[in-house]
Amino acid sequence: MSTMSPELALVDPELRAIAVASLPPIYVNAFLDVRARPTERRPSFSPAAALAYLLLAVVRTAVFEVAVFLAVFAVVLLASLIA
C-alpha cells in the first residue's frame, strides 16, 4: 500500500484516484533546482534619509545611555545614603 493521507483513504476510490492524479510530482532533490528569481524593482534610498536615520539612532542611543546612567546614579546615591 502506498503512503496516502487518511483524508484521501476515507473517500471513495474514484475521488481518491482523481485526487492522487492531480497531485504535482514530488522530486527528491527539488530543493537543489535553481529557479529564476522574479525581478522586482528595489526601492532606492536617498542619502538624506540614511543620514536622518543615523541621526535618530544616535540620539535614541544617547537618551537611553543617559537614562541608564541616571538610574544607576540614583541607586548608588540611595545605597550610600542608607548605609
N, C-alpha and C. Protein backbone atom coordinates (compact mmCIF):
# COMPACT_ATOMS: atom_id res chain seq x y z
N MET A 1 0.85 -1.18 0.00
CA MET A 1 0.00 0.00 0.00
C MET A 1 0.89 1.24 0.00
N SER A 2 0.53 2.17 -0.83
CA SER A 2 1.33 3.39 -0.91
C SER A 2 0.96 4.33 0.24
N THR A 3 1.86 5.27 0.50
CA THR A 3 1.57 6.23 1.57
C THR A 3 0.54 7.22 1.07
N MET A 4 -0.47 7.43 1.86
CA MET A 4 -1.57 8.30 1.47
C MET A 4 -2.14 8.94 2.72
N SER A 5 -2.63 10.15 2.58
CA SER A 5 -3.20 10.81 3.75
C SER A 5 -4.49 10.12 4.16
N PRO A 6 -4.81 10.15 5.44
CA PRO A 6 -6.03 9.50 5.92
C PRO A 6 -7.29 10.08 5.31
N GLU A 7 -7.26 11.38 4.97
CA GLU A 7 -8.44 12.00 4.39
C GLU A 7 -8.75 11.38 3.03
N LEU A 8 -7.71 11.12 2.23
CA LEU A 8 -7.93 10.52 0.91
C LEU A 8 -8.35 9.06 1.03
N ALA A 9 -7.91 8.39 2.05
CA ALA A 9 -8.26 6.98 2.21
C ALA A 9 -9.73 6.81 2.59
N LEU A 10 -10.34 7.84 3.16
CA LEU A 10 -11.73 7.73 3.59
C LEU A 10 -12.72 7.98 2.47
N VAL A 11 -12.32 8.66 1.41
CA VAL A 11 -13.25 8.95 0.31
C VAL A 11 -13.34 7.75 -0.61
N ASP A 12 -14.28 7.82 -1.52
CA ASP A 12 -14.45 6.66 -2.41
C ASP A 12 -13.27 6.55 -3.37
N PRO A 13 -13.02 5.37 -3.93
CA PRO A 13 -11.82 5.13 -4.75
C PRO A 13 -11.74 6.02 -5.99
N GLU A 14 -12.84 6.38 -6.57
CA GLU A 14 -12.79 7.21 -7.77
C GLU A 14 -12.28 8.61 -7.44
N LEU A 15 -12.82 9.19 -6.37
CA LEU A 15 -12.34 10.51 -5.95
C LEU A 15 -10.88 10.46 -5.50
N ARG A 16 -10.50 9.37 -4.86
CA ARG A 16 -9.12 9.22 -4.44
C ARG A 16 -8.19 9.16 -5.64
N ALA A 17 -8.58 8.44 -6.67
CA ALA A 17 -7.76 8.35 -7.88
C ALA A 17 -7.63 9.70 -8.55
N ILE A 18 -8.72 10.45 -8.59
CA ILE A 18 -8.67 11.79 -9.19
C ILE A 18 -7.76 12.71 -8.37
N ALA A 19 -7.88 12.63 -7.04
CA ALA A 19 -7.07 13.49 -6.18
C ALA A 19 -5.59 13.15 -6.29
N VAL A 20 -5.28 11.87 -6.33
CA VAL A 20 -3.87 11.46 -6.44
C VAL A 20 -3.32 11.85 -7.81
N ALA A 21 -4.12 11.75 -8.85
CA ALA A 21 -3.66 12.10 -10.19
C ALA A 21 -3.41 13.60 -10.32
N SER A 22 -4.14 14.40 -9.54
CA SER A 22 -3.97 15.85 -9.65
C SER A 22 -2.82 16.38 -8.80
N LEU A 23 -2.22 15.54 -7.99
CA LEU A 23 -1.08 15.99 -7.18
C LEU A 23 0.13 16.23 -8.06
N PRO A 24 0.92 17.26 -7.74
CA PRO A 24 2.13 17.50 -8.53
C PRO A 24 3.17 16.43 -8.23
N PRO A 25 4.05 16.17 -9.18
CA PRO A 25 5.09 15.17 -8.91
C PRO A 25 6.06 15.69 -7.84
N ILE A 26 6.57 14.78 -7.05
CA ILE A 26 7.50 15.13 -5.99
C ILE A 26 8.87 14.60 -6.37
N TYR A 27 9.83 15.51 -6.40
CA TYR A 27 11.21 15.14 -6.71
C TYR A 27 12.03 15.18 -5.42
N VAL A 28 12.87 14.21 -5.26
CA VAL A 28 13.64 14.10 -4.02
C VAL A 28 14.56 15.30 -3.85
N ASN A 29 15.23 15.70 -4.92
CA ASN A 29 16.20 16.79 -4.83
C ASN A 29 15.65 18.09 -5.41
N ALA A 30 14.37 18.36 -5.23
CA ALA A 30 13.76 19.55 -5.79
C ALA A 30 14.34 20.83 -5.18
N PHE A 31 14.82 20.76 -3.95
CA PHE A 31 15.37 21.95 -3.32
C PHE A 31 16.69 22.37 -3.95
N LEU A 32 17.32 21.49 -4.73
CA LEU A 32 18.57 21.84 -5.39
C LEU A 32 18.36 22.56 -6.72
N ASP A 33 17.14 22.55 -7.24
CA ASP A 33 16.86 23.21 -8.51
C ASP A 33 17.01 24.71 -8.35
N VAL A 34 17.66 25.32 -9.33
CA VAL A 34 17.84 26.77 -9.32
C VAL A 34 16.74 27.37 -10.17
N ARG A 35 15.90 28.17 -9.53
CA ARG A 35 14.82 28.82 -10.25
C ARG A 35 15.17 30.28 -10.49
N ALA A 36 14.64 30.82 -11.55
CA ALA A 36 14.86 32.23 -11.83
C ALA A 36 14.08 33.06 -10.82
N ARG A 37 14.76 34.01 -10.24
CA ARG A 37 14.11 34.88 -9.28
C ARG A 37 13.26 35.90 -10.01
N PRO A 38 12.13 36.24 -9.44
CA PRO A 38 11.33 37.30 -10.07
C PRO A 38 12.05 38.63 -9.93
N THR A 39 12.11 39.36 -11.01
CA THR A 39 12.81 40.64 -10.97
C THR A 39 11.84 41.72 -10.54
N GLU A 40 12.10 42.29 -9.41
CA GLU A 40 11.28 43.39 -8.93
C GLU A 40 12.19 44.56 -8.63
N ARG A 41 11.69 45.72 -8.83
CA ARG A 41 12.50 46.91 -8.62
C ARG A 41 12.61 47.20 -7.13
N ARG A 42 13.82 47.26 -6.67
CA ARG A 42 14.05 47.56 -5.26
C ARG A 42 13.98 49.06 -5.06
N PRO A 43 13.32 49.48 -4.02
CA PRO A 43 13.24 50.93 -3.79
C PRO A 43 14.61 51.48 -3.41
N SER A 44 14.94 52.60 -4.02
CA SER A 44 16.22 53.21 -3.70
C SER A 44 16.05 54.12 -2.48
N PHE A 45 17.13 54.41 -1.83
CA PHE A 45 17.08 55.29 -0.67
C PHE A 45 17.95 56.50 -0.94
N SER A 46 17.57 57.58 -0.34
CA SER A 46 18.34 58.81 -0.53
C SER A 46 19.35 58.95 0.61
N PRO A 47 20.46 59.61 0.34
CA PRO A 47 21.44 59.83 1.42
C PRO A 47 20.86 60.65 2.57
N ALA A 48 19.91 61.53 2.27
CA ALA A 48 19.31 62.33 3.33
C ALA A 48 18.51 61.45 4.29
N ALA A 49 17.81 60.46 3.74
CA ALA A 49 17.04 59.55 4.60
C ALA A 49 17.99 58.69 5.45
N ALA A 50 19.08 58.24 4.85
CA ALA A 50 20.05 57.45 5.61
C ALA A 50 20.68 58.29 6.72
N LEU A 51 20.99 59.54 6.42
CA LEU A 51 21.57 60.42 7.43
C LEU A 51 20.58 60.71 8.55
N ALA A 52 19.32 60.91 8.19
CA ALA A 52 18.29 61.16 9.20
C ALA A 52 18.12 59.93 10.10
N TYR A 53 18.13 58.74 9.50
CA TYR A 53 18.01 57.52 10.30
C TYR A 53 19.22 57.37 11.24
N LEU A 54 20.41 57.66 10.73
CA LEU A 54 21.61 57.57 11.55
C LEU A 54 21.54 58.56 12.71
N LEU A 55 21.11 59.78 12.43
CA LEU A 55 20.99 60.79 13.48
C LEU A 55 19.96 60.37 14.53
N LEU A 56 18.84 59.83 14.08
CA LEU A 56 17.81 59.36 15.01
C LEU A 56 18.34 58.22 15.88
N ALA A 57 19.08 57.30 15.28
CA ALA A 57 19.63 56.18 16.04
C ALA A 57 20.64 56.66 17.08
N VAL A 58 21.47 57.63 16.72
CA VAL A 58 22.46 58.15 17.67
C VAL A 58 21.76 58.87 18.82
N VAL A 59 20.73 59.64 18.52
CA VAL A 59 20.01 60.36 19.57
C VAL A 59 19.30 59.38 20.49
N ARG A 60 18.65 58.37 19.92
CA ARG A 60 17.97 57.36 20.76
C ARG A 60 18.96 56.64 21.65
N THR A 61 20.13 56.30 21.12
CA THR A 61 21.14 55.62 21.92
C THR A 61 21.64 56.52 23.05
N ALA A 62 21.86 57.78 22.74
CA ALA A 62 22.34 58.71 23.76
C ALA A 62 21.30 58.89 24.86
N VAL A 63 20.04 59.00 24.50
CA VAL A 63 18.98 59.16 25.50
C VAL A 63 18.90 57.92 26.38
N PHE A 64 19.01 56.75 25.78
CA PHE A 64 18.98 55.52 26.57
C PHE A 64 20.18 55.44 27.51
N GLU A 65 21.36 55.80 27.02
CA GLU A 65 22.55 55.78 27.87
C GLU A 65 22.41 56.74 29.05
N VAL A 66 21.86 57.92 28.81
CA VAL A 66 21.65 58.89 29.89
C VAL A 66 20.64 58.34 30.90
N ALA A 67 19.58 57.71 30.43
CA ALA A 67 18.58 57.14 31.34
C ALA A 67 19.19 56.04 32.20
N VAL A 68 20.00 55.18 31.60
CA VAL A 68 20.65 54.11 32.37
C VAL A 68 21.63 54.72 33.38
N PHE A 69 22.40 55.72 32.97
CA PHE A 69 23.35 56.36 33.87
C PHE A 69 22.64 56.99 35.06
N LEU A 70 21.52 57.69 34.79
CA LEU A 70 20.80 58.33 35.88
C LEU A 70 20.18 57.30 36.82
N ALA A 71 19.71 56.18 36.29
CA ALA A 71 19.14 55.14 37.13
C ALA A 71 20.21 54.53 38.04
N VAL A 72 21.37 54.24 37.48
CA VAL A 72 22.46 53.68 38.29
C VAL A 72 22.93 54.70 39.32
N PHE A 73 23.01 55.98 38.90
CA PHE A 73 23.41 57.04 39.82
C PHE A 73 22.43 57.13 40.99
N ALA A 74 21.13 57.05 40.71
CA ALA A 74 20.13 57.13 41.78
C ALA A 74 20.23 55.95 42.73
N VAL A 75 20.45 54.75 42.18
CA VAL A 75 20.57 53.56 43.04
C VAL A 75 21.81 53.67 43.92
N VAL A 76 22.91 54.10 43.37
CA VAL A 76 24.15 54.23 44.16
C VAL A 76 23.98 55.33 45.21
N LEU A 77 23.34 56.44 44.84
CA LEU A 77 23.12 57.52 45.80
C LEU A 77 22.24 57.07 46.95
N LEU A 78 21.14 56.36 46.62
CA LEU A 78 20.28 55.84 47.69
C LEU A 78 21.01 54.82 48.57
N ALA A 79 21.81 53.99 47.96
CA ALA A 79 22.56 52.99 48.74
C ALA A 79 23.57 53.65 49.65
N SER A 80 24.20 54.72 49.19
CA SER A 80 25.20 55.41 50.04
C SER A 80 24.53 56.21 51.14
N LEU A 81 23.31 56.72 50.89
CA LEU A 81 22.61 57.46 51.95
C LEU A 81 22.09 56.54 53.01
N ILE A 82 21.66 55.35 52.63
CA ILE A 82 21.13 54.39 53.59
C ILE A 82 22.26 53.78 54.42
N ALA A 83 23.38 53.51 53.83
CA ALA A 83 24.48 52.83 54.53
C ALA A 83 25.24 53.73 55.44
